[in-house]
Amino acid sequence: MATPNPASESPSGEGIRNVPSLCLQTVEAARADAERIKRIGEAEAYSVEAVGKAEAESMKLKAQAYKQYGEAAIMSMVLDSLPQEKSYARAVLSPYL
């Protein structure tokens, strides 16, 4: 026995005429969703690219600054940071000591 089609059972035939327009609406909605998703992806990619470029520029500027400082200045900066590192290490390792 064939499965009844409610659209074909409509006495006025309205259901049959609306099927193509419903399909078109569904396709248009899917295309709109796809375009929205594409734009979100493009915006996220642009954001990631901008962050990457900013980080690269920051690293480049730091490298230039380190070149100007010279080895003695860099060693001084490293030694100045050691007390902070010691405090951090002590805090992390204190439960085990």
PDB file of N, CA and C in Angstrom:
ATOM      1  N   MET A   1       0.845  -1.171   0.000  1.00  0.00           N
ATOM      2  CA  MET A   1       0.000   0.000   0.000  1.00  0.00           C
ATOM      3  C   MET A   1       0.892   1.235   0.000  1.00  0.00           C
ATOM      4  N   ALA A   2       0.542   2.214  -0.787  1.00  0.00           N
ATOM      5  CA  ALA A   2       1.331   3.443  -0.914  1.00  0.00           C
ATOM      6  C   ALA A   2       1.102   4.333   0.293  1.00  0.00           C
ATOM      7  N   THR A   3       2.153   5.051   0.656  1.00  0.00           N
ATOM      8  CA  THR A   3       2.039   5.988   1.764  1.00  0.00           C
ATOM      9  C   THR A   3       1.297   7.224   1.282  1.00  0.00           C
ATOM     10  N   PRO A   4       0.270   7.635   2.011  1.00  0.00           N
ATOM     11  CA  PRO A   4      -0.496   8.799   1.559  1.00  0.00           C
ATOM     12  C   PRO A   4       0.344  10.067   1.640  1.00  0.00           C
ATOM     13  N   ASN A   5       0.188  10.936   0.675  1.00  0.00           N
ATOM     14  CA  ASN A   5       0.881  12.218   0.623  1.00  0.00           C
ATOM     15  C   ASN A   5      -0.130  13.299   0.974  1.00  0.00           C
ATOM     16  N   PRO A   6       0.025  13.938   2.135  1.00  0.00           N
ATOM     17  CA  PRO A   6      -0.958  14.944   2.544  1.00  0.00           C
ATOM     18  C   PRO A   6      -1.071  16.083   1.549  1.00  0.00           C
ATOM     19  N   ALA A   7       0.004  16.406   0.868  1.00  0.00           N
ATOM     20  CA  ALA A   7      -0.054  17.511  -0.085  1.00  0.00           C
ATOM     21  C   ALA A   7      -0.952  17.165  -1.265  1.00  0.00           C
ATOM     22  N   SER A   8      -0.908  15.904  -1.686  1.00  0.00           N
ATOM     23  CA  SER A   8      -1.727  15.523  -2.840  1.00  0.00           C
ATOM     24  C   SER A   8      -3.185  15.315  -2.458  1.00  0.00           C
ATOM     25  N   GLU A   9      -3.473  15.187  -1.180  1.00  0.00           N
ATOM     26  CA  GLU A   9      -4.843  14.974  -0.729  1.00  0.00           C
ATOM     27  C   GLU A   9      -5.614  16.271  -0.579  1.00  0.00           C
ATOM     28  N   SER A  10      -4.930  17.397  -0.692  1.00  0.00           N
ATOM     29  CA  SER A  10      -5.604  18.678  -0.530  1.00  0.00           C
ATOM     30  C   SER A  10      -6.602  18.868  -1.667  1.00  0.00           C
ATOM     31  N   PRO A  11      -7.856  19.143  -1.339  1.00  0.00           N
ATOM     32  CA  PRO A  11      -8.870  19.269  -2.388  1.00  0.00           C
ATOM     33  C   PRO A  11      -8.573  20.423  -3.346  1.00  0.00           C
ATOM     34  N   SER A  12      -7.977  21.484  -2.832  1.00  0.00           N
ATOM     35  CA  SER A  12      -7.739  22.635  -3.696  1.00  0.00           C
ATOM     36  C   SER A  12      -6.410  22.515  -4.440  1.00  0.00           C
ATOM     37  N   GLY A  13      -5.590  21.557  -4.050  1.00  0.00           N
ATOM     38  CA  GLY A  13      -4.301  21.398  -4.695  1.00  0.00           C
ATOM     39  C   GLY A  13      -3.255  22.368  -4.153  1.00  0.00           C
ATOM     40  N   GLU A  14      -3.592  23.100  -3.115  1.00  0.00           N
ATOM     41  CA  GLU A  14      -2.673  24.087  -2.529  1.00  0.00           C
ATOM     42  C   GLU A  14      -1.377  23.445  -2.056  1.00  0.00           C
ATOM     43  N   GLY A  15      -1.464  22.270  -1.444  1.00  0.00           N
ATOM     44  CA  GLY A  15      -0.288  21.607  -0.926  1.00  0.00           C
ATOM     45  C   GLY A  15       0.726  21.315  -2.013  1.00  0.00           C
ATOM     46  N   ILE A  16       0.255  20.930  -3.162  1.00  0.00           N
ATOM     47  CA  ILE A  16       1.148  20.585  -4.264  1.00  0.00           C
ATOM     48  C   ILE A  16       1.867  21.832  -4.767  1.00  0.00           C
ATOM     49  N   ARG A  17       1.162  22.933  -4.891  1.00  0.00           N
ATOM     50  CA  ARG A  17       1.763  24.170  -5.389  1.00  0.00           C
ATOM     51  C   ARG A  17       2.756  24.753  -4.388  1.00  0.00           C
ATOM     52  N   ASN A  18       2.576  24.517  -3.106  1.00  0.00           N
ATOM     53  CA  ASN A  18       3.461  25.081  -2.094  1.00  0.00           C
ATOM     54  C   ASN A  18       4.762  24.298  -1.922  1.00  0.00           C
ATOM     55  N   VAL A  19       4.810  23.065  -2.395  1.00  0.00           N
ATOM     56  CA  VAL A  19       6.013  22.256  -2.216  1.00  0.00           C
ATOM     57  C   VAL A  19       7.233  22.913  -2.846  1.00  0.00           C
ATOM     58  N   PRO A  20       7.195  23.366  -4.099  1.00  0.00           N
ATOM     59  CA  PRO A  20       8.387  24.010  -4.666  1.00  0.00           C
ATOM     60  C   PRO A  20       8.800  25.272  -3.909  1.00  0.00           C
ATOM     61  N   SER A  21       7.838  26.058  -3.460  1.00  0.00           N
ATOM     62  CA  SER A  21       8.195  27.274  -2.738  1.00  0.00           C
ATOM     63  C   SER A  21       8.794  26.934  -1.371  1.00  0.00           C
ATOM     64  N   LEU A  22       8.312  25.860  -0.734  1.00  0.00           N
ATOM     65  CA  LEU A  22       8.900  25.429   0.532  1.00  0.00           C
ATOM     66  C   LEU A  22      10.323  24.934   0.317  1.00  0.00           C
ATOM     67  N   CYS A  23      10.544  24.198  -0.775  1.00  0.00           N
ATOM     68  CA  CYS A  23      11.902  23.729  -1.082  1.00  0.00           C
ATOM     69  C   CYS A  23      12.817  24.913  -1.335  1.00  0.00           C
ATOM     70  N   LEU A  24      12.335  25.897  -2.078  1.00  0.00           N
ATOM     71  CA  LEU A  24      13.127  27.082  -2.375  1.00  0.00           C
ATOM     72  C   LEU A  24      13.447  27.843  -1.089  1.00  0.00           C
ATOM     73  N   GLN A  25      12.473  27.961  -0.200  1.00  0.00           N
ATOM     74  CA  GLN A  25      12.709  28.635   1.082  1.00  0.00           C
ATOM     75  C   GLN A  25      13.762  27.899   1.899  1.00  0.00           C
ATOM     76  N   THR A  26      13.695  26.567   1.891  1.00  0.00           N
ATOM     77  CA  THR A  26      14.663  25.758   2.632  1.00  0.00           C
ATOM     78  C   THR A  26      16.065  25.939   2.065  1.00  0.00           C
ATOM     79  N   VAL A  27      16.172  25.920   0.744  1.00  0.00           N
ATOM     80  CA  VAL A  27      17.478  26.106   0.096  1.00  0.00           C
ATOM     81  C   VAL A  27      18.015  27.499   0.384  1.00  0.00           C
ATOM     82  N   GLU A  28      17.154  28.510   0.300  1.00  0.00           N
ATOM     83  CA  GLU A  28      17.600  29.882   0.578  1.00  0.00           C
ATOM     84  C   GLU A  28      18.041  30.043   2.033  1.00  0.00           C
ATOM     85  N   ALA A  29      17.334  29.417   2.947  1.00  0.00           N
ATOM     86  CA  ALA A  29      17.715  29.477   4.365  1.00  0.00           C
ATOM     87  C   ALA A  29      19.056  28.779   4.581  1.00  0.00           C
ATOM     88  N   ALA A  30      19.263  27.642   3.914  1.00  0.00           N
ATOM     89  CA  ALA A  30      20.529  26.921   4.038  1.00  0.00           C
ATOM     90  C   ALA A  30      21.675  27.753   3.471  1.00  0.00           C
ATOM     91  N   ARG A  31      21.438  28.423   2.346  1.00  0.00           N
ATOM     92  CA  ARG A  31      22.473  29.282   1.761  1.00  0.00           C
ATOM     93  C   ARG A  31      22.791  30.462   2.684  1.00  0.00           C
ATOM     94  N   ALA A  32      21.761  31.031   3.287  1.00  0.00           N
ATOM     95  CA  ALA A  32      21.982  32.144   4.220  1.00  0.00           C
ATOM     96  C   ALA A  32      22.787  31.683   5.428  1.00  0.00           C
ATOM     97  N   ASP A  33      22.464  30.501   5.943  1.00  0.00           N
ATOM     98  CA  ASP A  33      23.233  29.941   7.071  1.00  0.00           C
ATOM     99  C   ASP A  33      24.683  29.687   6.664  1.00  0.00           C
ATOM    100  N   ALA A  34      24.875  29.145   5.475  1.00  0.00           N
ATOM    101  CA  ALA A  34      26.236  28.870   4.996  1.00  0.00           C
ATOM    102  C   ALA A  34      27.028  30.171   4.858  1.00  0.00           C
ATOM    103  N   GLU A  35      26.390  31.209   4.343  1.00  0.00           N
ATOM    104  CA  GLU A  35      27.067  32.502   4.187  1.00  0.00           C
ATOM    105  C   GLU A  35      27.410  33.096   5.554  1.00  0.00           C
ATOM    106  N   ARG A  36      26.503  32.961   6.500  1.00  0.00           N
ATOM    107  CA  ARG A  36      26.748  33.470   7.857  1.00  0.00           C
ATOM    108  C   ARG A  36      27.929  32.731   8.491  1.00  0.00           C
ATOM    109  N   ILE A  37      27.948  31.421   8.350  1.00  0.00           N
ATOM    110  CA  ILE A  37      29.040  30.619   8.905  1.00  0.00           C
ATOM    111  C   ILE A  37      30.359  30.981   8.225  1.00  0.00           C
ATOM    112  N   LYS A  38      30.320  31.188   6.918  1.00  0.00           N
ATOM    113  CA  LYS A  38      31.522  31.570   6.175  1.00  0.00           C
ATOM    114  C   LYS A  38      32.056  32.909   6.687  1.00  0.00           C
ATOM    115  N   ARG A  39      31.179  33.871   6.892  1.00  0.00           N
ATOM    116  CA  ARG A  39      31.613  35.190   7.371  1.00  0.00           C
ATOM    117  C   ARG A  39      32.178  35.119   8.785  1.00  0.00           C
ATOM    118  N   ILE A  40      31.592  34.297   9.624  1.00  0.00           N
ATOM    119  CA  ILE A  40      32.124  34.117  10.986  1.00  0.00           C
ATOM    120  C   ILE A  40      33.524  33.522  10.909  1.00  0.00           C
ATOM    121  N   GLY A  41      33.696  32.514  10.071  1.00  0.00           N
ATOM    122  CA  GLY A  41      35.010  31.895   9.895  1.00  0.00           C
ATOM    123  C   GLY A  41      36.043  32.880   9.373  1.00  0.00           C
ATOM    124  N   GLU A  42      35.639  33.707   8.416  1.00  0.00           N
ATOM    125  CA  GLU A  42      36.559  34.710   7.876  1.00  0.00           C
ATOM    126  C   GLU A  42      36.945  35.725   8.948  1.00  0.00           C
ATOM    127  N   ALA A  43      35.982  36.132   9.765  1.00  0.00           N
ATOM    128  CA  ALA A  43      36.272  37.093  10.832  1.00  0.00           C
ATOM    129  C   ALA A  43      37.222  36.486  11.861  1.00  0.00           C
ATOM    130  N   GLU A  44      37.010  35.233  12.212  1.00  0.00           N
ATOM    131  CA  GLU A  44      37.901  34.567  13.157  1.00  0.00           C
ATOM    132  C   GLU A  44      39.305  34.420  12.575  1.00  0.00           C
ATOM    133  N   ALA A  45      39.391  34.081  11.299  1.00  0.00           N
ATOM    134  CA  ALA A  45      40.703  33.947  10.647  1.00  0.00           C
ATOM    135  C   ALA A  45      41.423  35.286  10.625  1.00  0.00           C
ATOM    136  N   TYR A  46      40.699  36.355  10.341  1.00  0.00           N
ATOM    137  CA  TYR A  46      41.288  37.696  10.330  1.00  0.00           C
ATOM    138  C   TYR A  46      41.803  38.049  11.721  1.00  0.00           C
ATOM    139  N   SER A  47      41.037  37.716  12.734  1.00  0.00           N
ATOM    140  CA  SER A  47      41.434  37.990  14.117  1.00  0.00           C
ATOM    141  C   SER A  47      42.700  37.227  14.489  1.00  0.00           C
ATOM    142  N   VAL A  48      42.755  35.941  14.152  1.00  0.00           N
ATOM    143  CA  VAL A  48      43.929  35.125  14.453  1.00  0.00           C
ATOM    144  C   VAL A  48      45.150  35.679  13.713  1.00  0.00           C
ATOM    145  N   GLU A  49      44.948  36.073  12.477  1.00  0.00           N
ATOM    146  CA  GLU A  49      46.050  36.637  11.695  1.00  0.00           C
ATOM    147  C   GLU A  49      46.553  37.935  12.317  1.00  0.00           C
ATOM    148  N   ALA A  50      45.633  38.794  12.752  1.00  0.00           N
ATOM    149  CA  ALA A  50      46.026  40.062  13.368  1.00  0.00           C
ATOM    150  C   ALA A  50      46.803  39.834  14.660  1.00  0.00           C
ATOM    151  N   VAL A  51      46.354  38.893  15.471  1.00  0.00           N
ATOM    152  CA  VAL A  51      47.058  38.577  16.722  1.00  0.00           C
ATOM    153  C   VAL A  51      48.452  38.036  16.412  1.00  0.00           C
ATOM    154  N   GLY A  52      48.546  37.157  15.435  1.00  0.00           N
ATOM    155  CA  GLY A  52      49.842  36.595  15.051  1.00  0.00           C
ATOM    156  C   GLY A  52      50.804  37.667  14.563  1.00  0.00           C
ATOM    157  N   LYS A  53      50.305  38.596  13.754  1.00  0.00           N
ATOM    158  CA  LYS A  53      51.151  39.678  13.261  1.00  0.00           C
ATOM    159  C   LYS A  53      51.606  40.577  14.413  1.00  0.00           C
ATOM    160  N   ALA A  54      50.706  40.856  15.342  1.00  0.00           N
ATOM    161  CA  ALA A  54      51.069  41.694  16.489  1.00  0.00           C
ATOM    162  C   ALA A  54      52.128  41.013  17.348  1.00  0.00           C
ATOM    163  N   GLU A  55      51.975  39.716  17.574  1.00  0.00           N
ATOM    164  CA  GLU A  55      52.968  38.981  18.366  1.00  0.00           C
ATOM    165  C   GLU A  55      54.313  38.940  17.654  1.00  0.00           C
ATOM    166  N   ALA A  56      54.295  38.754  16.346  1.00  0.00           N
ATOM    167  CA  ALA A  56      55.546  38.736  15.583  1.00  0.00           C
ATOM    168  C   ALA A  56      56.234  40.095  15.647  1.00  0.00           C
ATOM    169  N   GLU A  57      55.465  41.147  15.535  1.00  0.00           N
ATOM    170  CA  GLU A  57      56.030  42.497  15.630  1.00  0.00           C
ATOM    171  C   GLU A  57      56.613  42.740  17.011  1.00  0.00           C
ATOM    172  N   SER A  58      55.925  42.275  18.036  1.00  0.00           N
ATOM    173  CA  SER A  58      56.421  42.422  19.404  1.00  0.00           C
ATOM    174  C   SER A  58      57.752  41.693  19.578  1.00  0.00           C
ATOM    175  N   MET A  59      57.834  40.477  19.066  1.00  0.00           N
ATOM    176  CA  MET A  59      59.073  39.706  19.169  1.00  0.00           C
ATOM    177  C   MET A  59      60.203  40.396  18.402  1.00  0.00           C
ATOM    178  N   LYS A  60      59.877  40.951  17.255  1.00  0.00           N
ATOM    179  CA  LYS A  60      60.872  41.656  16.453  1.00  0.00           C
ATOM    180  C   LYS A  60      61.416  42.867  17.212  1.00  0.00           C
ATOM    181  N   LEU A  61      60.513  43.621  17.849  1.00  0.00           N
ATOM    182  CA  LEU A  61      60.940  44.793  18.624  1.00  0.00           C
ATOM    183  C   LEU A  61      61.780  44.391  19.832  1.00  0.00           C
ATOM    184  N   LYS A  62      61.399  43.288  20.488  1.00  0.00           N
ATOM    185  CA  LYS A  62      62.191  42.802  21.624  1.00  0.00           C
ATOM    186  C   LYS A  62      63.593  42.406  21.165  1.00  0.00           C
ATOM    187  N   ALA A  63      63.670  41.734  20.023  1.00  0.00           N
ATOM    188  CA  ALA A  63      64.972  41.315  19.504  1.00  0.00           C
ATOM    189  C   ALA A  63      65.845  42.530  19.212  1.00  0.00           C
ATOM    190  N   GLN A  64      65.245  43.561  18.641  1.00  0.00           N
ATOM    191  CA  GLN A  64      65.994  44.787  18.372  1.00  0.00           C
ATOM    192  C   GLN A  64      66.476  45.423  19.676  1.00  0.00           C
ATOM    193  N   ALA A  65      65.611  45.426  20.675  1.00  0.00           N
ATOM    194  CA  ALA A  65      65.989  46.014  21.964  1.00  0.00           C
ATOM    195  C   ALA A  65      67.123  45.219  22.607  1.00  0.00           C
ATOM    196  N   TYR A  66      67.050  43.895  22.539  1.00  0.00           N
ATOM    197  CA  TYR A  66      68.105  43.070  23.119  1.00  0.00           C
ATOM    198  C   TYR A  66      69.442  43.299  22.406  1.00  0.00           C
ATOM    199  N   LYS A  67      69.383  43.512  21.094  1.00  0.00           N
ATOM    200  CA  LYS A  67      70.618  43.808  20.361  1.00  0.00           C
ATOM    201  C   LYS A  67      71.257  45.087  20.896  1.00  0.00           C
ATOM    202  N   GLN A  68      70.426  46.056  21.209  1.00  0.00           N
ATOM    203  CA  GLN A  68      70.941  47.338  21.699  1.00  0.00           C
ATOM    204  C   GLN A  68      71.456  47.221  23.125  1.00  0.00           C
ATOM    205  N   TYR A  69      70.832  46.378  23.926  1.00  0.00           N
ATOM    206  CA  TYR A  69      71.229  46.254  25.330  1.00  0.00           C
ATOM    207  C   TYR A  69      72.639  45.691  25.475  1.00  0.00           C
ATOM    208  N   GLY A  70      72.942  44.719  24.700  1.00  0.00           N
ATOM    209  CA  GLY A  70      74.227  44.057  24.855  1.00  0.00           C
ATOM    210  C   GLY A  70      74.123  42.934  25.873  1.00  0.00           C
ATOM    211  N   GLU A  71      75.123  42.115  25.891  1.00  0.00           N
ATOM    212  CA  GLU A  71      75.114  40.919  26.728  1.00  0.00           C
ATOM    213  C   GLU A  71      75.060  41.240  28.216  1.00  0.00           C
ATOM    214  N   ALA A  72      75.795  42.244  28.662  1.00  0.00           N
ATOM    215  CA  ALA A  72      75.828  42.580  30.089  1.00  0.00           C
ATOM    216  C   ALA A  72      74.455  43.028  30.580  1.00  0.00           C
ATOM    217  N   ALA A  73      73.768  43.826  29.806  1.00  0.00           N
ATOM    218  CA  ALA A  73      72.443  44.299  30.207  1.00  0.00           C
ATOM    219  C   ALA A  73      71.450  43.144  30.275  1.00  0.00           C
ATOM    220  N   ILE A  74      71.535  42.237  29.329  1.00  0.00           N
ATOM    221  CA  ILE A  74      70.634  41.081  29.323  1.00  0.00           C
ATOM    222  C   ILE A  74      70.905  40.217  30.554  1.00  0.00           C
ATOM    223  N   MET A  75      72.183  39.998  30.856  1.00  0.00           N
ATOM    224  CA  MET A  75      72.525  39.205  32.033  1.00  0.00           C
ATOM    225  C   MET A  75      71.984  39.876  33.296  1.00  0.00           C
ATOM    226  N   SER A  76      72.063  41.183  33.352  1.00  0.00           N
ATOM    227  CA  SER A  76      71.541  41.918  34.498  1.00  0.00           C
ATOM    228  C   SER A  76      70.029  41.719  34.629  1.00  0.00           C
ATOM    229  N   MET A  77      69.315  41.767  33.502  1.00  0.00           N
ATOM    230  CA  MET A  77      67.856  41.563  33.533  1.00  0.00           C
ATOM    231  C   MET A  77      67.525  40.151  34.009  1.00  0.00           C
ATOM    232  N   VAL A  78      68.272  39.179  33.550  1.00  0.00           N
ATOM    233  CA  VAL A  78      68.031  37.791  33.952  1.00  0.00           C
ATOM    234  C   VAL A  78      68.268  37.635  35.451  1.00  0.00           C
ATOM    235  N   LEU A  79      69.372  38.183  35.925  1.00  0.00           N
ATOM    236  CA  LEU A  79      69.694  38.066  37.350  1.00  0.00           C
ATOM    237  C   LEU A  79      68.677  38.811  38.213  1.00  0.00           C
ATOM    238  N   ASP A  80      68.173  39.926  37.718  1.00  0.00           N
ATOM    239  CA  ASP A  80      67.147  40.663  38.467  1.00  0.00           C
ATOM    240  C   ASP A  80      65.857  39.864  38.597  1.00  0.00           C
ATOM    241  N   SER A  81      65.566  39.025  37.622  1.00  0.00           N
ATOM    242  CA  SER A  81      64.315  38.260  37.662  1.00  0.00           C
ATOM    243  C   SER A  81      64.431  36.998  38.521  1.00  0.00           C
ATOM    244  N   LEU A  82      65.628  36.600  38.878  1.00  0.00           N
ATOM    245  CA  LEU A  82      65.804  35.360  39.646  1.00  0.00           C
ATOM    246  C   LEU A  82      65.078  35.347  40.994  1.00  0.00           C
ATOM    247  N   PRO A  83      65.086  36.430  41.782  1.00  0.00           N
ATOM    248  CA  PRO A  83      64.346  36.369  43.049  1.00  0.00           C
ATOM    249  C   PRO A  83      62.855  36.065  42.845  1.00  0.00           C
ATOM    250  N   GLN A  84      62.280  36.609  41.801  1.00  0.00           N
ATOM    251  CA  GLN A  84      60.864  36.333  41.522  1.00  0.00           C
ATOM    252  C   GLN A  84      60.682  34.862  41.165  1.00  0.00           C
ATOM    253  N   GLU A  85      61.584  34.343  40.367  1.00  0.00           N
ATOM    254  CA  GLU A  85      61.506  32.932  39.982  1.00  0.00           C
ATOM    255  C   GLU A  85      61.705  32.037  41.198  1.00  0.00           C
ATOM    256  N   LYS A  86      62.592  32.419  42.088  1.00  0.00           N
ATOM    257  CA  LYS A  86      62.850  31.643  43.302  1.00  0.00           C
ATOM    258  C   LYS A  86      61.595  31.593  44.166  1.00  0.00           C
ATOM    259  N   SER A  87      60.923  32.739  44.310  1.00  0.00           N
ATOM    260  CA  SER A  87      59.688  32.788  45.106  1.00  0.00           C
ATOM    261  C   SER A  87      58.609  31.893  44.498  1.00  0.00           C
ATOM    262  N   TYR A  88      58.499  31.960  43.190  1.00  0.00           N
ATOM    263  CA  TYR A  88      57.502  31.141  42.505  1.00  0.00           C
ATOM    264  C   TYR A  88      57.812  29.657  42.695  1.00  0.00           C
ATOM    265  N   ALA A  89      59.065  29.281  42.505  1.00  0.00           N
ATOM    266  CA  ALA A  89      59.460  27.876  42.652  1.00  0.00           C
ATOM    267  C   ALA A  89      59.225  27.398  44.077  1.00  0.00           C
ATOM    268  N   ARG A  90      59.521  28.244  45.049  1.00  0.00           N
ATOM    269  CA  ARG A  90      59.311  27.877  46.442  1.00  0.00           C
ATOM    270  C   ARG A  90      57.821  27.648  46.707  1.00  0.00           C
ATOM    271  N   ALA A  91      56.977  28.517  46.182  1.00  0.00           N
ATOM    272  CA  ALA A  91      55.524  28.386  46.392  1.00  0.00           C
ATOM    273  C   ALA A  91      54.991  27.097  45.763  1.00  0.00           C
ATOM    274  N   VAL A  92      55.500  26.771  44.584  1.00  0.00           N
ATOM    275  CA  VAL A  92      55.027  25.574  43.889  1.00  0.00           C
ATOM    276  C   VAL A  92      55.511  24.308  44.584  1.00  0.00           C
ATOM    277  N   LEU A  93      56.761  24.332  45.022  1.00  0.00           N
ATOM    278  CA  LEU A  93      57.354  23.117  45.591  1.00  0.00           C
ATOM    279  C   LEU A  93      57.137  22.965  47.089  1.00  0.00           C
ATOM    280  N   SER A  94      56.635  23.985  47.776  1.00  0.00           N
ATOM    281  CA  SER A  94      56.498  23.924  49.232  1.00  0.00           C
ATOM    282  C   SER A  94      55.691  22.738  49.733  1.00  0.00           C
ATOM    283  N   PRO A  95      54.651  22.284  49.073  1.00  0.00           N
ATOM    284  CA  PRO A  95      53.935  21.104  49.573  1.00  0.00           C
ATOM    285  C   PRO A  95      54.785  19.842  49.578  1.00  0.00           C
ATOM    286  N   TYR A  96      55.821  19.809  48.762  1.00  0.00           N
ATOM    287  CA  TYR A  96      56.634  18.615  48.632  1.00  0.00           C
ATOM    288  C   TYR A  96      57.911  18.664  49.465  1.00  0.00           C
ATOM    289  N   LEU A  97      58.181  19.814  50.081  1.00  0.00           N
ATOM    290  CA  LEU A  97      59.419  19.953  50.858  1.00  0.00           C
ATOM    291  C   LEU A  97      59.195  19.687  52.311  1.00  0.00           C
TER     292      LEU A  97
END
